[in-house]
């Protein structure tokens, strides 16, 4: 059991755990996990739930053109820079109940406790649930946070797997694809952003430390590659006359694996989706579409790995046409020293040790860093498992992380760390 300093600020335990459990109902699937993809009906329902709870806590919820959900005090001071804190509500398919949602619920509880005070704050506190962080259906990860820091390109072209245009899905979430420019925050508005998240890896559990202080977030490049060969009869086409797109895709997949595992050009490299057409037993595949993702903490290494991806595509040779579309480039970022110091001091106030670490997963914080300083707090993930129904963090660790977020925010609002 964690031994906490009982005199430090604490969230409402029962309310926090209740809200977290209730959110898990939206998108709950038959595998015991959560399938709450961005802008889905389950995502819309989770948003409505959060808005309702916000009203019950005497807070004000608004949605910007990109579908980002902001929760603030009713008597907000709009002339002050904003201290933003939160995460995202959407999940991957058959994911866990904590990824993203934990940080949002902790942010709501933090804001609710702050609203009980009438202090003169250095910043205006605002909680956020960013839209479509995962990009599981609409293939534009970090959609909401990217809309906050700059223009979104080609949004009108995005559709989900059922063919639903993003325009319609965004409208259902309260957004407006024709007004995305209004979602960009002006320079100087963001005083800082704090994101509390489960680690999604094994480092904290192995170290036996309850809190992680993130000093850097990995860079991430995503490509969608379409390989087109020649569809033909599987029984009558000689092996030497084939232009099999699936075979080319398999060769490319192995080459992508080698970029990180063998050549060590980046930290990790992954082919995560692989669609075959026509996907019929007795037909030589005519086309495949696959996604390639590379991650690393160094921008130079990411650039080298990207060149290796393109070289592997070019090496497929004649008979296979290839189209490479860049879906995302997110540079690695460092967190802010001042915000990190505030997190460390808050943890000490609660009597909790902290491990300084890197994040191998991408987060909204790395996108928001383009608009202002960011800080991140991790809590342990059991067995390092995430994006899975087996995702789990012990309640005492969830509560400890939320307490530290509350105390960090209070310190910053009161100007203790300016």
Protein backbone atom coordinates (compact mmCIF):
# COMPACT_ATOMS: atom_id res chain seq x y z
CA UNK A 1 0.00 0.00 0.00
CA UNK A 2 1.16 3.53 -0.77
CA UNK A 3 1.75 5.73 2.25
CA UNK A 4 0.41 9.18 1.45
CA UNK A 5 0.77 12.47 3.29
CA UNK A 6 -2.80 12.90 4.52
CA UNK A 7 -2.39 16.68 4.90
CA UNK A 8 -1.81 17.22 1.16
CA UNK A 9 -4.61 18.04 -1.29
CA UNK A 10 -6.63 15.01 -2.35
CA UNK A 11 -9.39 14.42 -4.87
CA UNK A 12 -12.79 12.98 -4.00
CA UNK A 13 -11.95 9.28 -4.12
CA UNK A 14 -15.43 7.84 -4.47
CA UNK A 15 -16.52 10.32 -7.12
CA UNK A 16 -13.33 9.86 -9.16
CA UNK A 17 -13.51 6.05 -9.25
CA UNK A 18 -17.24 6.16 -9.97
CA UNK A 19 -16.79 8.46 -12.97
CA UNK A 20 -13.96 6.30 -14.31
CA UNK A 21 -16.10 3.15 -14.02
CA UNK A 22 -19.08 4.84 -15.65
CA UNK A 23 -17.03 6.03 -18.62
CA UNK A 24 -15.90 2.44 -19.26
CA UNK A 25 -19.51 1.54 -20.12
CA UNK A 26 -19.38 3.63 -23.28
CA UNK A 27 -17.95 1.35 -25.93
CA UNK A 28 -17.66 -1.66 -23.62
CA UNK A 29 -17.13 -4.71 -25.86
CA UNK A 30 -17.55 -8.46 -25.66
CA UNK A 31 -13.83 -8.97 -24.91
CA UNK A 32 -14.05 -7.04 -21.66
CA UNK A 33 -12.33 -4.00 -23.14
CA UNK A 34 -13.44 -0.70 -24.65
CA UNK A 35 -14.00 0.11 -28.32
CA UNK A 36 -14.67 3.86 -28.25
CA UNK A 37 -13.10 5.10 -31.44
CA UNK A 38 -12.94 8.82 -32.14
CA UNK A 39 -16.22 10.42 -33.29
CA UNK A 40 -18.11 7.10 -32.94
CA UNK A 41 -21.51 6.84 -31.27
CA UNK A 42 -19.79 5.51 -28.14
CA UNK A 43 -17.45 8.51 -28.17
CA UNK A 44 -20.39 10.89 -28.53
CA UNK A 45 -22.13 9.18 -25.59
CA UNK A 46 -19.01 9.47 -23.42
CA UNK A 47 -18.81 13.16 -24.24
CA UNK A 48 -22.44 13.69 -23.29
CA UNK A 49 -21.81 11.89 -20.00
CA UNK A 50 -18.83 14.11 -19.24
CA UNK A 51 -20.82 17.25 -20.06
CA UNK A 52 -23.63 16.12 -17.76
CA UNK A 53 -21.22 15.44 -14.90
CA UNK A 54 -19.61 18.81 -15.50
CA UNK A 55 -22.94 20.57 -15.12
CA UNK A 56 -23.62 18.65 -11.92
CA UNK A 57 -20.27 19.92 -10.60
CA UNK A 58 -21.25 23.50 -11.52
CA UNK A 59 -18.73 23.63 -14.36
CA UNK A 60 -19.16 24.79 -17.96
CA UNK A 61 -18.51 22.50 -20.96
CA UNK A 62 -17.89 23.78 -24.50
CA UNK A 63 -16.85 22.15 -27.79
CA UNK A 64 -14.63 23.80 -30.38
CA UNK A 65 -14.79 23.33 -34.15
CA UNK A 66 -12.39 20.36 -34.00
CA UNK A 67 -14.55 18.50 -31.50
CA UNK A 68 -12.29 19.19 -28.51
CA UNK A 69 -14.27 19.26 -25.27
CA UNK A 70 -13.21 21.97 -22.81
CA UNK A 71 -14.49 22.24 -19.24
CA UNK A 72 -13.98 25.41 -17.26
CA UNK A 73 -15.28 27.42 -14.36
CA UNK A 74 -18.53 29.28 -14.87
CA UNK A 75 -16.91 32.56 -13.87
CA UNK A 76 -13.77 32.11 -15.95
CA UNK A 77 -11.36 35.00 -16.40
CA UNK A 78 -10.80 35.05 -20.16
CA UNK A 79 -8.02 37.63 -19.91
CA UNK A 80 -5.65 35.26 -18.12
CA UNK A 81 -3.49 32.66 -19.89
CA UNK A 82 -4.88 29.13 -19.57
CA UNK A 83 -3.42 26.28 -17.57
CA UNK A 84 -4.80 23.30 -19.49
CA UNK A 85 -4.90 19.73 -18.16
CA UNK A 86 -6.49 16.53 -19.44
CA UNK A 87 -6.08 13.91 -22.17
CA UNK A 88 -8.49 12.17 -24.56
CA UNK A 89 -11.65 10.02 -24.38
CA UNK A 90 -11.35 7.90 -27.53
CA UNK A 91 -9.79 4.43 -27.56
CA UNK A 92 -8.40 1.91 -29.99
CA UNK A 93 -10.58 -1.05 -31.03
CA UNK A 94 -10.72 -3.61 -28.18
CA UNK A 95 -8.60 -1.34 -26.00
CA UNK A 96 -8.56 -0.68 -22.29
CA UNK A 97 -10.64 1.55 -20.06
CA UNK A 98 -7.84 3.81 -18.79
CA UNK A 99 -5.86 5.03 -21.80
CA UNK A 100 -6.79 8.70 -22.12
CA UNK A 101 -9.96 8.47 -20.05
CA UNK A 102 -7.97 8.35 -16.80
CA UNK A 103 -6.37 11.71 -17.48
CA UNK A 104 -9.69 13.29 -18.45
CA UNK A 105 -11.51 12.10 -15.31
CA UNK A 106 -8.59 13.22 -13.13
CA UNK A 107 -8.71 16.62 -14.85
CA UNK A 108 -12.45 16.94 -14.21
CA UNK A 109 -11.98 16.07 -10.54
CA UNK A 110 -9.07 18.51 -10.25
CA UNK A 111 -11.16 21.32 -11.71
CA UNK A 112 -14.09 20.45 -9.43
CA UNK A 113 -11.86 20.76 -6.37
CA UNK A 114 -10.39 24.01 -7.63
CA UNK A 115 -13.83 25.48 -8.17
CA UNK A 116 -14.49 25.06 -4.48
CA UNK A 117 -11.90 27.79 -3.88
CA UNK A 118 -12.08 31.44 -4.88
CA UNK A 119 -8.35 32.20 -4.91
CA UNK A 120 -6.72 34.70 -7.23
CA UNK A 121 -5.13 32.41 -9.77
CA UNK A 122 -2.09 33.05 -11.94
CA UNK A 123 -3.80 31.14 -14.79
CA UNK A 124 -7.33 30.22 -15.76
CA UNK A 125 -7.72 26.45 -15.13
CA UNK A 126 -9.36 24.45 -17.94
CA UNK A 127 -9.80 20.68 -18.35
CA UNK A 128 -9.76 19.15 -21.85
CA UNK A 129 -10.74 15.96 -23.65
CA UNK A 130 -8.95 16.12 -26.99
CA UNK A 131 -10.73 14.66 -30.02
CA UNK A 132 -9.61 11.57 -31.95
CA UNK A 133 -6.19 11.14 -30.34
CA UNK A 134 -5.89 7.50 -31.43
CA UNK A 135 -7.05 7.95 -35.02
CA UNK A 136 -8.44 4.41 -34.92
CA UNK A 137 -11.26 4.96 -37.45
CA UNK A 138 -10.63 8.38 -38.90
CA UNK A 139 -6.95 8.00 -39.74
CA UNK A 140 -5.68 11.30 -38.39
CA UNK A 141 -4.18 10.71 -34.91
CA UNK A 142 -4.03 13.72 -32.58
CA UNK A 143 -6.70 15.41 -34.67
CA UNK A 144 -7.96 17.62 -31.85
CA UNK A 145 -4.62 18.70 -30.44
CA UNK A 146 -3.24 19.33 -33.93
CA UNK A 147 -6.23 21.55 -34.70
CA UNK A 148 -5.40 23.53 -31.57
CA UNK A 149 -1.86 24.37 -32.70
CA UNK A 150 -2.25 24.83 -36.46
CA UNK A 151 -4.23 24.16 -39.62
CA UNK A 152 -5.58 20.68 -40.38
CA UNK A 153 -4.97 19.64 -43.99
CA UNK A 154 -7.34 17.52 -46.09
CA UNK A 155 -9.82 16.98 -43.25
CA UNK A 156 -12.67 16.95 -45.75
CA UNK A 157 -11.23 13.80 -47.32
CA UNK A 158 -11.31 11.70 -44.15
CA UNK A 159 -13.84 8.86 -43.90
CA UNK A 160 -14.15 5.95 -41.49
CA UNK A 161 -14.18 2.25 -42.41
CA UNK A 162 -17.92 2.41 -43.15
CA UNK A 163 -17.51 5.40 -45.46
CA UNK A 164 -18.90 8.01 -43.04
CA UNK A 165 -17.31 11.40 -43.81
CA UNK A 166 -15.53 13.16 -40.97
CA UNK A 167 -17.66 16.19 -41.77
CA UNK A 168 -20.78 14.36 -40.55
CA UNK A 169 -19.11 12.69 -37.57
CA UNK A 170 -17.58 15.98 -36.44
CA UNK A 171 -20.93 17.74 -36.68
CA UNK A 172 -22.45 15.07 -34.41
CA UNK A 173 -19.71 15.84 -31.87
CA UNK A 174 -20.54 19.54 -31.93
CA UNK A 175 -17.71 20.53 -34.26
CA UNK A 176 -17.62 22.15 -37.68
CA UNK A 177 -15.17 21.12 -40.39
CA UNK A 178 -15.63 24.44 -42.19
CA UNK A 179 -14.56 26.40 -39.10
CA UNK A 180 -11.45 24.45 -38.08
CA UNK A 181 -9.30 27.57 -38.20
CA UNK A 182 -11.24 28.89 -35.20
CA UNK A 183 -9.88 26.00 -33.10
CA UNK A 184 -6.29 27.32 -33.32
CA UNK A 185 -5.20 29.00 -30.08
CA UNK A 186 -3.52 32.40 -30.44
CA UNK A 187 0.05 32.89 -29.26
CA UNK A 188 0.29 33.50 -25.53
CA UNK A 189 -3.08 32.00 -24.61
CA UNK A 190 -1.64 28.71 -23.33
CA UNK A 191 0.27 29.08 -20.09
CA UNK A 192 0.95 25.35 -19.88
CA UNK A 193 -0.51 21.89 -20.40
CA UNK A 194 -0.35 18.93 -17.99
CA UNK A 195 -1.24 15.39 -19.06
CA UNK A 196 -1.71 12.56 -16.57
CA UNK A 197 -1.59 9.12 -18.19
CA UNK A 198 -1.02 5.45 -17.53
CA UNK A 199 2.52 4.51 -18.56
CA UNK A 200 1.50 1.82 -21.10
CA UNK A 201 4.84 0.13 -20.46
CA UNK A 202 6.63 -1.90 -17.74
CA UNK A 203 9.23 0.58 -16.43
CA UNK A 204 7.44 1.92 -13.34
CA UNK A 205 6.16 -1.47 -12.21
CA UNK A 206 9.60 -3.05 -12.57
CA UNK A 207 11.19 -0.18 -10.65
CA UNK A 208 8.52 -0.31 -7.94
CA UNK A 209 7.95 3.45 -8.23
CA UNK A 210 4.39 4.89 -8.17
CA UNK A 211 4.94 7.96 -10.37
CA UNK A 212 6.82 8.73 -13.55
CA UNK A 213 8.02 12.20 -14.50
CA UNK A 214 8.21 12.30 -18.30
CA UNK A 215 11.17 14.31 -19.56
CA UNK A 216 10.77 13.47 -23.28
CA UNK A 217 8.09 12.05 -25.59
CA UNK A 218 8.98 9.91 -28.58
CA UNK A 219 8.70 11.13 -32.15
CA UNK A 220 6.35 9.23 -34.44
CA UNK A 221 5.99 9.01 -38.23
CA UNK A 222 3.10 7.14 -39.85
CA UNK A 223 2.81 6.18 -43.51
CA UNK A 224 0.03 4.51 -45.47
CA UNK A 225 1.48 2.51 -48.35
CA UNK A 226 -0.57 1.05 -51.21
CA UNK A 227 1.08 -1.61 -53.38
CA UNK A 228 -0.61 -2.48 -56.67
CA UNK A 229 0.34 -5.62 -58.63
CA UNK A 230 -1.81 -7.67 -60.98
CA UNK A 231 -4.89 -9.56 -59.88
CA UNK A 232 -5.12 -12.92 -61.63
CA UNK A 233 -6.22 -16.55 -61.39
CA UNK A 234 -4.40 -18.48 -58.67
CA UNK A 235 -4.56 -21.78 -60.53
CA UNK A 236 -3.64 -20.82 -64.07
CA UNK A 237 -0.99 -18.12 -63.63
CA UNK A 238 2.58 -19.53 -63.62
CA UNK A 239 4.74 -18.45 -60.69
CA UNK A 240 7.17 -16.58 -62.97
CA UNK A 241 4.32 -14.52 -64.45
CA UNK A 242 2.90 -13.24 -61.18
CA UNK A 243 2.91 -9.74 -59.76
CA UNK A 244 1.55 -10.61 -56.33
CA UNK A 245 0.86 -7.54 -54.22
CA UNK A 246 0.55 -9.62 -51.05
CA UNK A 247 3.99 -11.16 -51.50
CA UNK A 248 5.43 -7.68 -52.07
CA UNK A 249 3.66 -6.47 -48.95
CA UNK A 250 5.04 -9.37 -46.93
CA UNK A 251 8.58 -8.61 -48.12
CA UNK A 252 8.08 -4.97 -47.20
CA UNK A 253 6.74 -5.92 -43.76
CA UNK A 254 9.88 -7.93 -43.01
CA UNK A 255 12.06 -5.05 -44.24
CA UNK A 256 10.21 -2.65 -41.93
CA UNK A 257 10.78 -5.01 -38.99
CA UNK A 258 14.51 -5.08 -39.76
CA UNK A 259 14.77 -1.28 -39.71
CA UNK A 260 14.49 -1.31 -35.92
CA UNK A 261 15.25 -4.91 -34.87
CA UNK A 262 18.34 -5.55 -37.01
CA UNK A 263 19.56 -2.22 -38.40
CA UNK A 264 18.75 -0.25 -35.21
CA UNK A 265 17.87 2.87 -37.19
CA UNK A 266 15.02 3.76 -34.82
CA UNK A 267 13.62 2.53 -31.51
CA UNK A 268 10.66 0.61 -32.95
CA UNK A 269 9.12 -0.01 -36.38
CA UNK A 270 5.70 -1.54 -36.94
CA UNK A 271 3.33 -2.59 -39.69
CA UNK A 272 0.04 -2.28 -37.82
CA UNK A 273 -2.64 -2.66 -40.51
CA UNK A 274 -2.59 -4.84 -43.61
CA UNK A 275 -5.55 -4.89 -46.01
CA UNK A 276 -5.56 -7.30 -48.97
CA UNK A 277 -7.68 -6.99 -52.10
CA UNK A 278 -9.64 -8.88 -53.21
CA UNK A 279 -8.79 -11.21 -50.27
CA UNK A 280 -10.17 -14.33 -51.98
CA UNK A 281 -8.70 -17.84 -51.74
CA UNK A 282 -8.25 -18.55 -55.43
CA UNK A 283 -7.19 -15.08 -56.61
CA UNK A 284 -3.68 -13.64 -56.71
CA UNK A 285 -3.93 -10.42 -54.67
CA UNK A 286 -3.91 -7.34 -56.86
CA UNK A 287 -3.40 -4.73 -54.16
CA UNK A 288 -2.55 -4.30 -50.50
CA UNK A 289 -2.63 -1.28 -48.24
CA UNK A 290 -0.55 -1.25 -45.08
CA UNK A 291 0.44 1.23 -42.40
CA UNK A 292 4.03 1.74 -41.32
CA UNK A 293 4.89 3.45 -38.05
CA UNK A 294 8.39 4.36 -36.84
CA UNK A 295 9.21 5.89 -33.45
CA UNK A 296 12.31 7.33 -31.83
CA UNK A 297 13.41 10.09 -29.49
CA UNK A 298 15.83 11.55 -32.05
CA UNK A 299 14.66 13.57 -35.03
CA UNK A 300 17.80 12.62 -37.00
CA UNK A 301 17.25 8.92 -36.38
CA UNK A 302 13.61 9.25 -37.44
CA UNK A 303 14.75 10.89 -40.68
CA UNK A 304 17.21 8.03 -41.33
CA UNK A 305 14.53 5.45 -40.60
CA UNK A 306 12.10 7.20 -42.93
CA UNK A 307 14.67 7.08 -45.72
CA UNK A 308 15.05 3.34 -45.03
CA UNK A 309 11.27 2.87 -45.34
CA UNK A 310 11.23 4.60 -48.73
CA UNK A 311 14.25 2.60 -49.89
CA UNK A 312 12.52 -0.64 -48.92
CA UNK A 313 9.50 0.37 -50.99
CA UNK A 314 11.70 1.22 -53.97
CA UNK A 315 13.48 -2.13 -53.66
CA UNK A 316 10.26 -4.05 -54.40
CA UNK A 317 11.16 -3.74 -58.06
CA UNK A 318 9.18 -3.89 -61.32
CA UNK A 319 5.66 -5.22 -61.50
CA UNK A 320 4.58 -3.51 -58.29
CA UNK A 321 3.44 0.10 -58.23
CA UNK A 322 3.70 1.85 -54.88
CA UNK A 323 2.08 4.95 -53.43
CA UNK A 324 3.33 6.29 -50.08
CA UNK A 325 1.13 8.75 -48.19
CA UNK A 326 2.41 10.48 -45.07
CA UNK A 327 -0.34 10.30 -42.45
CA UNK A 328 1.52 11.96 -39.61
CA UNK A 329 4.90 13.29 -38.54
CA UNK A 330 5.15 14.14 -34.84
CA UNK A 331 8.57 15.27 -33.69
CA UNK A 332 10.03 14.15 -30.36
CA UNK A 333 9.65 16.81 -27.67
CA UNK A 334 11.12 17.64 -24.27
CA UNK A 335 8.82 18.54 -21.42
CA UNK A 336 9.11 21.89 -19.66
CA UNK A 337 11.55 22.19 -16.75
CA UNK A 338 9.29 24.49 -14.71
CA UNK A 339 6.25 22.25 -15.04
CA UNK A 340 8.37 19.18 -14.28
CA UNK A 341 9.68 20.88 -11.14
CA UNK A 342 6.11 21.61 -10.06
CA UNK A 343 5.21 17.93 -10.54
CA UNK A 344 8.24 16.81 -8.53
CA UNK A 345 7.41 19.22 -5.70
CA UNK A 346 3.78 18.08 -5.68
CA UNK A 347 4.82 14.42 -5.48
CA UNK A 348 7.13 15.25 -2.58
CA UNK A 349 4.24 17.01 -0.84
CA UNK A 350 2.36 13.70 -1.00
CA UNK A 351 5.39 11.71 0.10
CA UNK A 352 5.66 9.88 -3.23
CA UNK A 353 8.90 8.96 -5.03
CA UNK A 354 9.23 9.82 -8.73
CA UNK A 355 11.16 8.17 -11.56
CA UNK A 356 12.32 10.41 -14.42
CA UNK A 357 11.70 8.63 -17.73
CA UNK A 358 10.95 8.85 -21.44
CA UNK A 359 7.60 8.06 -23.05
CA UNK A 360 7.68 5.49 -25.84
CA UNK A 361 4.05 6.25 -26.66
CA UNK A 362 2.87 9.38 -28.39
CA UNK A 363 0.56 11.75 -26.53
CA UNK A 364 -1.40 14.93 -27.11
CA UNK A 365 1.21 16.71 -24.98
CA UNK A 366 3.83 16.41 -27.70
CA UNK A 367 1.50 18.16 -30.14
CA UNK A 368 0.44 20.86 -27.68
CA UNK A 369 4.15 21.61 -27.06
CA UNK A 370 4.07 23.66 -30.27
CA UNK A 371 1.76 26.13 -28.49
CA UNK A 372 3.29 26.23 -25.01
CA UNK A 373 5.11 24.39 -22.22
CA UNK A 374 3.97 20.84 -21.37
CA UNK A 375 4.45 18.39 -18.53
CA UNK A 376 3.50 14.73 -18.13
CA UNK A 377 2.85 12.39 -15.20
CA UNK A 378 2.77 8.60 -15.52
CA UNK A 379 1.34 5.95 -13.21
CA UNK A 380 2.24 2.24 -13.48
CA UNK A 381 0.59 -0.15 -15.93
CA UNK A 382 0.28 -3.75 -14.70
CA UNK A 383 2.66 -5.94 -16.73
CA UNK A 384 3.18 -2.99 -19.07
CA UNK A 385 0.01 -3.86 -21.01
CA UNK A 386 -2.11 -1.26 -22.78
CA UNK A 387 -4.30 -1.01 -25.89
CA UNK A 388 -5.80 -4.25 -24.61
CA UNK A 389 -8.72 -5.39 -22.44
CA UNK A 390 -6.02 -6.51 -19.97
CA UNK A 391 -4.96 -2.91 -19.39
CA UNK A 392 -4.98 -2.26 -15.63
CA UNK A 393 -3.60 0.10 -13.01
CA UNK A 394 -4.18 -0.40 -9.29
CA UNK A 395 -6.72 2.06 -7.83
CA UNK A 396 -4.19 3.33 -5.29
CA UNK A 397 -1.86 4.33 -8.13
CA UNK A 398 -4.70 5.96 -10.08
CA UNK A 399 -5.66 7.98 -7.03
CA UNK A 400 -2.06 8.93 -6.25
CA UNK A 401 -1.54 10.25 -9.78
CA UNK A 402 -4.76 12.27 -9.61
CA UNK A 403 -3.76 13.72 -6.24
CA UNK A 404 -0.40 14.82 -7.64
CA UNK A 405 -2.10 16.40 -10.65
CA UNK A 406 -4.41 18.36 -8.33
CA UNK A 407 -1.51 19.54 -6.18
CA UNK A 408 0.62 20.42 -9.22
CA UNK A 409 -2.20 22.48 -10.70
CA UNK A 410 -2.80 24.27 -7.41
CA UNK A 411 0.87 25.15 -7.05
CA UNK A 412 0.96 26.59 -10.57
CA UNK A 413 -2.29 28.51 -10.20
CA UNK A 414 -1.14 30.06 -6.96
CA UNK A 415 2.10 31.17 -8.59
CA UNK A 416 4.33 29.02 -6.40
CA UNK A 417 6.35 27.91 -9.42
CA UNK A 418 6.37 31.02 -11.62
